[in-house]
Amino acid sequence: VIIDKQREIYFIDNIKFHLDQVKGLGTFVEIEATDVTNQFTSDYLLNQCEECIELFGISEADLLTNSYSDLMLEI
């Protein structure tokens, strides 16, 4: 499967945002909270992601676990 996408990456503190436009699938955001200094717990990092999801108005129904190639194979 060939994935044709355009990606923009933004950082706010320790949170990385991938904004992807995938041809044939649409627009996606990936939110990744990282801790390179080992100062945060995994619960804290998860909470950061959940706060971003709420801030962006992303519903639970919009969350995906499949890869872009898996999604392409479904259409």
N, C-alpha and C. Protein backbone atom coordinates (compact mmCIF):
# COMPACT_ATOMS: atom_id res chain seq x y z
N VAL A 1 0.85 -1.18 0.00
CA VAL A 1 0.00 0.00 0.00
C VAL A 1 0.89 1.23 0.00
N ILE A 2 0.58 2.17 -0.87
CA ILE A 2 1.33 3.43 -0.91
C ILE A 2 0.50 4.51 -0.22
N ILE A 3 1.10 5.19 0.73
CA ILE A 3 0.43 6.26 1.47
C ILE A 3 1.00 7.59 0.99
N ASP A 4 0.13 8.44 0.45
CA ASP A 4 0.51 9.78 0.01
C ASP A 4 0.00 10.76 1.05
N LYS A 5 0.93 11.36 1.81
CA LYS A 5 0.50 12.26 2.88
C LYS A 5 1.41 13.48 2.96
N GLN A 6 0.83 14.54 3.49
CA GLN A 6 1.56 15.75 3.81
C GLN A 6 1.50 15.87 5.33
N ARG A 7 2.63 16.14 5.97
CA ARG A 7 2.69 16.19 7.43
C ARG A 7 3.32 17.51 7.88
N GLU A 8 2.68 18.10 8.89
CA GLU A 8 3.25 19.23 9.60
C GLU A 8 3.44 18.78 11.04
N ILE A 9 4.54 19.19 11.65
CA ILE A 9 4.84 18.81 13.04
C ILE A 9 5.01 20.08 13.86
N TYR A 10 4.35 20.09 15.01
CA TYR A 10 4.43 21.22 15.94
C TYR A 10 4.74 20.70 17.33
N PHE A 11 5.40 21.50 18.12
CA PHE A 11 5.71 21.16 19.51
C PHE A 11 5.18 22.24 20.44
N ILE A 12 4.59 21.82 21.54
CA ILE A 12 4.28 22.69 22.66
C ILE A 12 4.85 21.99 23.89
N ASP A 13 5.91 22.56 24.42
CA ASP A 13 6.63 21.95 25.54
C ASP A 13 7.02 20.52 25.17
N ASN A 14 6.56 19.55 25.94
CA ASN A 14 6.93 18.14 25.68
C ASN A 14 5.89 17.41 24.84
N ILE A 15 4.95 18.15 24.25
CA ILE A 15 3.90 17.51 23.46
C ILE A 15 4.16 17.78 21.98
N LYS A 16 4.14 16.70 21.20
CA LYS A 16 4.38 16.77 19.76
C LYS A 16 3.07 16.50 19.03
N PHE A 17 2.76 17.35 18.06
CA PHE A 17 1.54 17.23 17.27
C PHE A 17 1.91 16.96 15.82
N HIS A 18 1.40 15.87 15.27
CA HIS A 18 1.55 15.57 13.85
C HIS A 18 0.21 15.89 13.21
N LEU A 19 0.20 16.78 12.23
CA LEU A 19 -1.00 17.08 11.46
C LEU A 19 -0.80 16.50 10.07
N ASP A 20 -1.60 15.49 9.75
CA ASP A 20 -1.45 14.76 8.50
C ASP A 20 -2.65 14.95 7.59
N GLN A 21 -2.38 15.20 6.32
CA GLN A 21 -3.39 15.18 5.27
C GLN A 21 -3.06 13.98 4.40
N VAL A 22 -3.93 12.96 4.44
CA VAL A 22 -3.66 11.70 3.75
C VAL A 22 -4.60 11.58 2.55
N LYS A 23 -4.01 11.51 1.36
CA LYS A 23 -4.80 11.41 0.14
C LYS A 23 -5.69 10.17 0.19
N GLY A 24 -6.97 10.38 -0.02
CA GLY A 24 -7.93 9.29 -0.01
C GLY A 24 -8.53 8.98 1.35
N LEU A 25 -7.95 9.54 2.41
CA LEU A 25 -8.46 9.27 3.76
C LEU A 25 -8.94 10.51 4.50
N GLY A 26 -8.23 11.62 4.35
CA GLY A 26 -8.63 12.84 5.05
C GLY A 26 -7.53 13.39 5.93
N THR A 27 -7.95 14.08 6.99
CA THR A 27 -7.05 14.80 7.87
C THR A 27 -7.00 14.12 9.24
N PHE A 28 -5.80 14.04 9.80
CA PHE A 28 -5.58 13.35 11.06
C PHE A 28 -4.63 14.16 11.94
N VAL A 29 -4.76 13.97 13.25
CA VAL A 29 -3.81 14.54 14.20
C VAL A 29 -3.33 13.43 15.11
N GLU A 30 -2.04 13.42 15.37
CA GLU A 30 -1.45 12.50 16.34
C GLU A 30 -0.86 13.35 17.45
N ILE A 31 -1.20 13.02 18.68
CA ILE A 31 -0.72 13.76 19.84
C ILE A 31 0.18 12.84 20.64
N GLU A 32 1.40 13.30 20.87
CA GLU A 32 2.40 12.46 21.54
C GLU A 32 3.08 13.24 22.66
N ALA A 33 2.84 12.85 23.89
CA ALA A 33 3.51 13.47 25.04
C ALA A 33 4.73 12.62 25.38
N THR A 34 5.89 13.25 25.42
CA THR A 34 7.12 12.51 25.68
C THR A 34 7.82 13.04 26.93
N ASP A 35 8.71 12.22 27.44
CA ASP A 35 9.45 12.60 28.65
C ASP A 35 10.89 12.11 28.53
N VAL A 36 11.73 12.94 27.95
CA VAL A 36 13.14 12.55 27.78
C VAL A 36 13.94 12.74 29.06
N THR A 37 13.37 13.44 30.04
CA THR A 37 14.09 13.72 31.28
C THR A 37 13.65 12.83 32.44
N ASN A 38 12.71 11.95 32.19
CA ASN A 38 12.17 11.04 33.22
C ASN A 38 11.64 11.78 34.44
N GLN A 39 10.96 12.90 34.20
CA GLN A 39 10.40 13.65 35.32
C GLN A 39 8.88 13.48 35.45
N PHE A 40 8.23 12.87 34.45
CA PHE A 40 6.78 12.72 34.47
C PHE A 40 6.39 11.25 34.59
N THR A 41 5.25 11.00 35.21
CA THR A 41 4.71 9.63 35.24
C THR A 41 3.95 9.37 33.95
N SER A 42 3.70 8.11 33.65
CA SER A 42 2.92 7.77 32.46
C SER A 42 1.49 8.31 32.59
N ASP A 43 0.95 8.33 33.81
CA ASP A 43 -0.39 8.90 34.02
C ASP A 43 -0.41 10.39 33.69
N TYR A 44 0.63 11.11 34.06
CA TYR A 44 0.72 12.54 33.75
C TYR A 44 0.75 12.75 32.23
N LEU A 45 1.57 11.96 31.54
CA LEU A 45 1.68 12.08 30.08
C LEU A 45 0.35 11.76 29.41
N LEU A 46 -0.32 10.71 29.87
CA LEU A 46 -1.63 10.35 29.33
C LEU A 46 -2.62 11.49 29.57
N ASN A 47 -2.59 12.08 30.74
CA ASN A 47 -3.48 13.20 31.05
C ASN A 47 -3.23 14.38 30.12
N GLN A 48 -1.97 14.64 29.80
CA GLN A 48 -1.65 15.71 28.86
C GLN A 48 -2.31 15.45 27.50
N CYS A 49 -2.21 14.22 27.02
CA CYS A 49 -2.82 13.86 25.74
C CYS A 49 -4.34 14.00 25.80
N GLU A 50 -4.93 13.54 26.88
CA GLU A 50 -6.38 13.62 27.04
C GLU A 50 -6.85 15.07 27.09
N GLU A 51 -6.09 15.95 27.73
CA GLU A 51 -6.44 17.36 27.76
C GLU A 51 -6.39 17.97 26.36
N CYS A 52 -5.41 17.59 25.56
CA CYS A 52 -5.33 18.08 24.18
C CYS A 52 -6.49 17.57 23.35
N ILE A 53 -6.84 16.31 23.52
CA ILE A 53 -7.97 15.74 22.80
C ILE A 53 -9.24 16.52 23.11
N GLU A 54 -9.44 16.83 24.38
CA GLU A 54 -10.62 17.60 24.79
C GLU A 54 -10.56 19.02 24.23
N LEU A 55 -9.39 19.65 24.31
CA LEU A 55 -9.22 21.01 23.81
C LEU A 55 -9.54 21.10 22.32
N PHE A 56 -9.11 20.11 21.55
CA PHE A 56 -9.36 20.10 20.10
C PHE A 56 -10.76 19.63 19.74
N GLY A 57 -11.53 19.18 20.73
CA GLY A 57 -12.89 18.72 20.47
C GLY A 57 -12.94 17.40 19.72
N ILE A 58 -11.97 16.54 19.96
CA ILE A 58 -11.93 15.23 19.31
C ILE A 58 -12.76 14.27 20.15
N SER A 59 -13.74 13.63 19.50
CA SER A 59 -14.60 12.70 20.24
C SER A 59 -13.94 11.32 20.30
N GLU A 60 -14.37 10.53 21.26
CA GLU A 60 -13.82 9.19 21.40
C GLU A 60 -14.08 8.35 20.15
N ALA A 61 -15.19 8.62 19.49
CA ALA A 61 -15.53 7.89 18.25
C ALA A 61 -14.55 8.19 17.12
N ASP A 62 -13.86 9.33 17.21
CA ASP A 62 -12.89 9.71 16.18
C ASP A 62 -11.50 9.12 16.39
N LEU A 63 -11.25 8.52 17.55
CA LEU A 63 -9.93 7.96 17.84
C LEU A 63 -9.72 6.68 17.04
N LEU A 64 -8.53 6.52 16.49
CA LEU A 64 -8.20 5.36 15.65
C LEU A 64 -7.01 4.60 16.23
N THR A 65 -7.00 3.31 15.99
CA THR A 65 -5.84 2.50 16.35
C THR A 65 -5.19 1.88 15.13
N ASN A 66 -5.86 1.95 13.98
CA ASN A 66 -5.34 1.37 12.75
C ASN A 66 -4.32 2.28 12.09
N SER A 67 -3.43 1.70 11.33
CA SER A 67 -2.46 2.48 10.55
C SER A 67 -3.15 3.02 9.29
N TYR A 68 -2.50 3.99 8.65
CA TYR A 68 -3.03 4.52 7.40
C TYR A 68 -3.17 3.42 6.35
N SER A 69 -2.20 2.51 6.30
CA SER A 69 -2.29 1.43 5.30
C SER A 69 -3.46 0.50 5.60
N ASP A 70 -3.73 0.23 6.88
CA ASP A 70 -4.91 -0.58 7.24
C ASP A 70 -6.18 0.14 6.79
N LEU A 71 -6.25 1.44 7.01
CA LEU A 71 -7.43 2.20 6.62
C LEU A 71 -7.60 2.21 5.10
N MET A 72 -6.50 2.32 4.37
CA MET A 72 -6.57 2.31 2.90
C MET A 72 -7.11 0.98 2.39
N LEU A 73 -6.71 -0.10 3.05
CA LEU A 73 -7.17 -1.42 2.61
C LEU A 73 -8.67 -1.63 2.87
N GLU A 74 -9.23 -0.84 3.78
CA GLU A 74 -10.65 -0.96 4.10
C GLU A 74 -11.55 -0.25 3.10
N ILE A 75 -10.99 0.68 2.30
CA ILE A 75 -11.83 1.41 1.34
C ILE A 75 -11.80 0.80 -0.03
